[in-house]
N, C-alpha and C. Protein backbone atom coordinates (compact mmCIF):
# COMPACT_ATOMS: atom_id res chain seq x y z
N MET A 1 22.93 -16.54 7.90
CA MET A 1 21.53 -15.58 8.07
C MET A 1 22.06 -14.42 7.18
N GLN A 2 21.38 -14.26 6.07
CA GLN A 2 21.65 -12.73 5.47
C GLN A 2 20.40 -11.84 5.69
N THR A 3 20.87 -10.61 5.70
CA THR A 3 19.68 -9.30 6.31
C THR A 3 20.00 -8.97 5.05
N LYS A 4 18.65 -8.09 5.09
CA LYS A 4 18.18 -7.42 4.17
C LYS A 4 18.95 -5.73 4.17
N ARG A 5 19.48 -5.47 3.26
CA ARG A 5 20.14 -4.00 3.60
C ARG A 5 19.09 -3.02 2.61
N TYR A 6 19.22 -1.87 3.45
CA TYR A 6 18.01 -0.92 2.79
C TYR A 6 19.03 0.40 2.41
N PRO A 7 18.54 1.08 1.83
CA PRO A 7 19.33 2.33 1.65
C PRO A 7 19.23 3.29 2.56
N PRO A 8 20.37 4.04 2.93
CA PRO A 8 20.03 5.00 3.97
C PRO A 8 18.63 6.05 4.11
N SER A 9 18.22 6.17 2.82
CA SER A 9 17.00 7.33 2.55
C SER A 9 15.80 6.68 1.31
N SER A 10 14.63 6.78 1.93
CA SER A 10 13.68 6.34 1.19
C SER A 10 12.77 7.59 0.27
N ARG A 11 12.53 7.68 -0.81
CA ARG A 11 11.72 8.39 -1.03
C ARG A 11 9.95 8.09 -0.86
N PRO A 12 9.17 8.75 -0.78
CA PRO A 12 7.94 8.38 -0.39
C PRO A 12 7.19 6.79 -0.64
N LYS A 13 7.50 6.49 -1.56
CA LYS A 13 7.07 5.52 -2.72
C LYS A 13 7.85 4.17 -1.90
N GLN A 14 8.81 4.43 -1.62
CA GLN A 14 9.74 3.17 -1.41
C GLN A 14 9.09 3.35 0.22
N GLY A 15 9.49 3.95 0.87
CA GLY A 15 8.80 4.19 2.18
C GLY A 15 7.25 3.41 2.46
N ALA A 16 6.53 3.61 1.73
CA ALA A 16 5.33 2.94 1.46
C ALA A 16 5.12 1.59 1.74
N GLU A 17 5.79 1.21 -0.02
CA GLU A 17 6.22 -0.19 0.40
C GLU A 17 6.77 -0.86 1.57
N LEU A 18 7.98 -0.44 2.36
CA LEU A 18 8.29 -0.60 3.34
C LEU A 18 7.45 -1.06 4.65
N LEU A 19 6.80 0.16 4.40
CA LEU A 19 5.74 0.02 5.93
C LEU A 19 4.31 -0.92 5.10
N GLY A 20 4.31 -1.05 4.18
CA GLY A 20 3.24 -1.98 3.60
C GLY A 20 2.02 -1.21 3.54
N VAL A 21 1.90 -0.27 3.28
CA VAL A 21 0.79 0.82 2.89
C VAL A 21 0.96 1.35 1.32
N SER A 22 -0.21 2.24 1.51
CA SER A 22 -0.69 2.56 -0.14
C SER A 22 0.42 4.18 0.14
N LEU A 23 1.01 4.90 -1.54
CA LEU A 23 1.42 6.11 -0.80
C LEU A 23 0.33 6.83 -0.23
N PRO A 24 -0.81 7.05 -0.78
CA PRO A 24 -1.97 8.23 0.20
C PRO A 24 -1.73 8.16 1.85
N THR A 25 -2.18 6.80 2.04
CA THR A 25 -1.65 6.79 3.63
C THR A 25 -0.38 6.97 4.20
N PHE A 26 0.74 6.53 3.23
CA PHE A 26 2.05 7.07 3.88
C PHE A 26 2.29 8.60 4.38
N TRP A 27 1.29 9.32 3.18
CA TRP A 27 1.31 10.84 3.44
C TRP A 27 0.36 11.34 3.97
N ARG A 28 -0.60 10.58 4.54
CA ARG A 28 -1.53 10.79 5.49
C ARG A 28 -0.66 10.87 6.94
N TRP A 29 -0.27 9.58 7.29
CA TRP A 29 0.36 9.32 8.48
C TRP A 29 1.74 10.44 8.51
N ALA A 30 2.37 10.76 7.90
CA ALA A 30 3.39 11.67 7.74
C ALA A 30 2.86 13.06 8.00
N ALA A 31 1.35 13.36 7.72
CA ALA A 31 1.08 14.43 8.24
C ALA A 31 0.42 14.60 9.34
N GLU A 32 -0.52 13.55 9.86
CA GLU A 32 -1.24 13.67 10.79
C GLU A 32 -0.61 12.76 12.11
N LYS A 33 0.17 11.79 11.98
CA LYS A 33 0.48 11.12 13.38
C LYS A 33 2.31 11.69 13.66
N GLN A 34 1.76 12.49 15.03
CA GLN A 34 3.08 12.98 15.44
C GLN A 34 4.16 12.28 15.76
N ASP A 35 4.53 10.90 15.99
CA ASP A 35 5.24 10.27 16.29
C ASP A 35 6.11 9.56 14.70
N PHE A 36 5.09 9.95 13.67
CA PHE A 36 5.89 9.63 12.52
C PHE A 36 7.17 10.26 11.93
N PRO A 37 8.33 9.79 11.52
CA PRO A 37 9.69 10.12 11.17
C PRO A 37 9.13 11.71 10.13
N LYS A 38 10.01 12.51 10.55
CA LYS A 38 10.06 13.39 9.44
C LYS A 38 10.46 13.50 8.34
N GLY A 39 10.17 13.84 7.27
CA GLY A 39 10.50 13.75 6.03
C GLY A 39 11.84 15.23 6.11
N ARG A 40 12.80 15.01 4.86
CA ARG A 40 13.67 15.83 4.59
C ARG A 40 13.84 16.32 3.13
N ARG A 41 13.05 17.55 3.03
CA ARG A 41 13.06 18.15 1.40
C ARG A 41 14.30 18.33 1.01
N LEU A 42 14.70 18.02 -0.53
CA LEU A 42 15.88 18.08 -0.82
C LEU A 42 15.66 19.53 -1.73
N SER A 43 14.31 19.43 -2.51
CA SER A 43 14.36 20.33 -3.17
C SER A 43 12.10 20.34 -3.33
N ALA A 44 11.79 21.33 -4.27
CA ALA A 44 10.59 21.64 -4.32
C ALA A 44 9.67 20.17 -4.41
N ARG A 45 10.15 19.35 -5.40
CA ARG A 45 9.66 18.37 -5.77
C ARG A 45 10.16 17.17 -4.95
N CYS A 46 11.24 17.06 -4.18
CA CYS A 46 11.65 15.77 -3.44
C CYS A 46 11.65 15.82 -2.33
N THR A 47 11.30 14.92 -1.25
CA THR A 47 11.02 14.71 0.00
C THR A 47 11.96 12.93 -0.04
N VAL A 48 12.81 13.26 0.93
CA VAL A 48 13.16 11.65 1.40
C VAL A 48 13.01 11.29 3.09
N PHE A 49 12.86 10.20 3.30
CA PHE A 49 12.62 9.94 4.94
C PHE A 49 14.04 8.72 5.16
N ASP A 50 14.19 9.02 6.11
CA ASP A 50 15.45 8.05 7.15
C ASP A 50 15.11 6.86 6.92
N THR A 51 15.92 5.74 6.18
CA THR A 51 15.26 4.44 6.40
C THR A 51 15.42 4.02 7.71
N GLY A 52 16.17 4.06 8.45
CA GLY A 52 16.34 3.84 9.90
C GLY A 52 15.25 3.80 10.33
N GLU A 53 14.93 5.43 10.74
CA GLU A 53 13.80 5.99 11.20
C GLU A 53 12.14 5.18 11.15
N LEU A 54 12.08 4.84 9.94
CA LEU A 54 10.99 4.46 9.21
C LEU A 54 11.07 3.03 9.62
N ILE A 55 12.13 2.43 9.68
CA ILE A 55 12.13 0.61 10.07
C ILE A 55 11.67 0.82 11.81
N ALA A 56 12.38 1.64 12.59
CA ALA A 56 12.55 1.81 13.89
C ALA A 56 10.82 2.25 14.44
N TRP A 57 10.12 3.13 13.42
CA TRP A 57 9.03 3.60 13.74
C TRP A 57 7.93 1.93 13.62
N ARG A 58 8.17 1.39 12.53
CA ARG A 58 7.55 0.31 12.04
C ARG A 58 7.43 -0.86 13.19
N GLU A 59 9.04 -1.17 13.63
CA GLU A 59 8.88 -2.16 14.37
C GLU A 59 8.22 -1.25 16.05
N SER A 60 8.22 0.05 16.24
CA SER A 60 7.79 0.55 17.77
C SER A 60 6.28 -0.11 17.58
N LYS A 61 5.49 0.38 16.48
CA LYS A 61 4.18 -0.21 16.45
C LYS A 61 3.91 -1.56 16.32
N MET A 62 4.58 -2.30 16.16
CA MET A 62 4.72 -3.93 16.09
C MET A 62 4.77 -4.71 17.61
N LYS A 63 5.37 -3.70 18.58
CA LYS A 63 6.11 -4.27 19.60
C LYS A 63 5.14 -4.87 20.15
N GLY A 64 5.34 -5.70 20.74
CA GLY A 64 4.52 -6.82 21.61
C GLY A 64 3.54 -7.81 20.83
N GLY A 65 3.36 -7.96 19.46
CA GLY A 65 2.38 -8.83 19.17
C GLY A 65 1.43 -8.11 18.32
N ARG A 66 1.31 -6.78 19.20
CA ARG A 66 0.33 -5.70 18.70
C ARG A 66 0.72 -4.68 17.06
N ASN A 67 -0.21 -4.91 16.55
CA ASN A 67 -0.17 -4.40 15.52
C ASN A 67 -0.91 -2.77 15.20
N GLU A 68 -0.13 -2.12 15.41
CA GLU A 68 -1.01 -0.77 15.57
C GLU A 68 -0.85 0.42 14.10
N LEU A 69 -0.39 -0.38 13.44
CA LEU A 69 -0.09 0.29 12.26
C LEU A 69 -1.46 1.02 11.52
């Protein structure tokens, strides 16, 4: 069985795709949800998110068959 490999960090557009939401929803969650993974600003116009943290956050919200996304 092959597992899908993800890059260590994701730009917001890729993070939104990973979570299955729109880019505006991704940014709203980043601003409003206390437990959402924090972005890291690389420059004034470049923010990245740790892909592993995004996956762990997604899985924690889907735990137990409940989709809390």
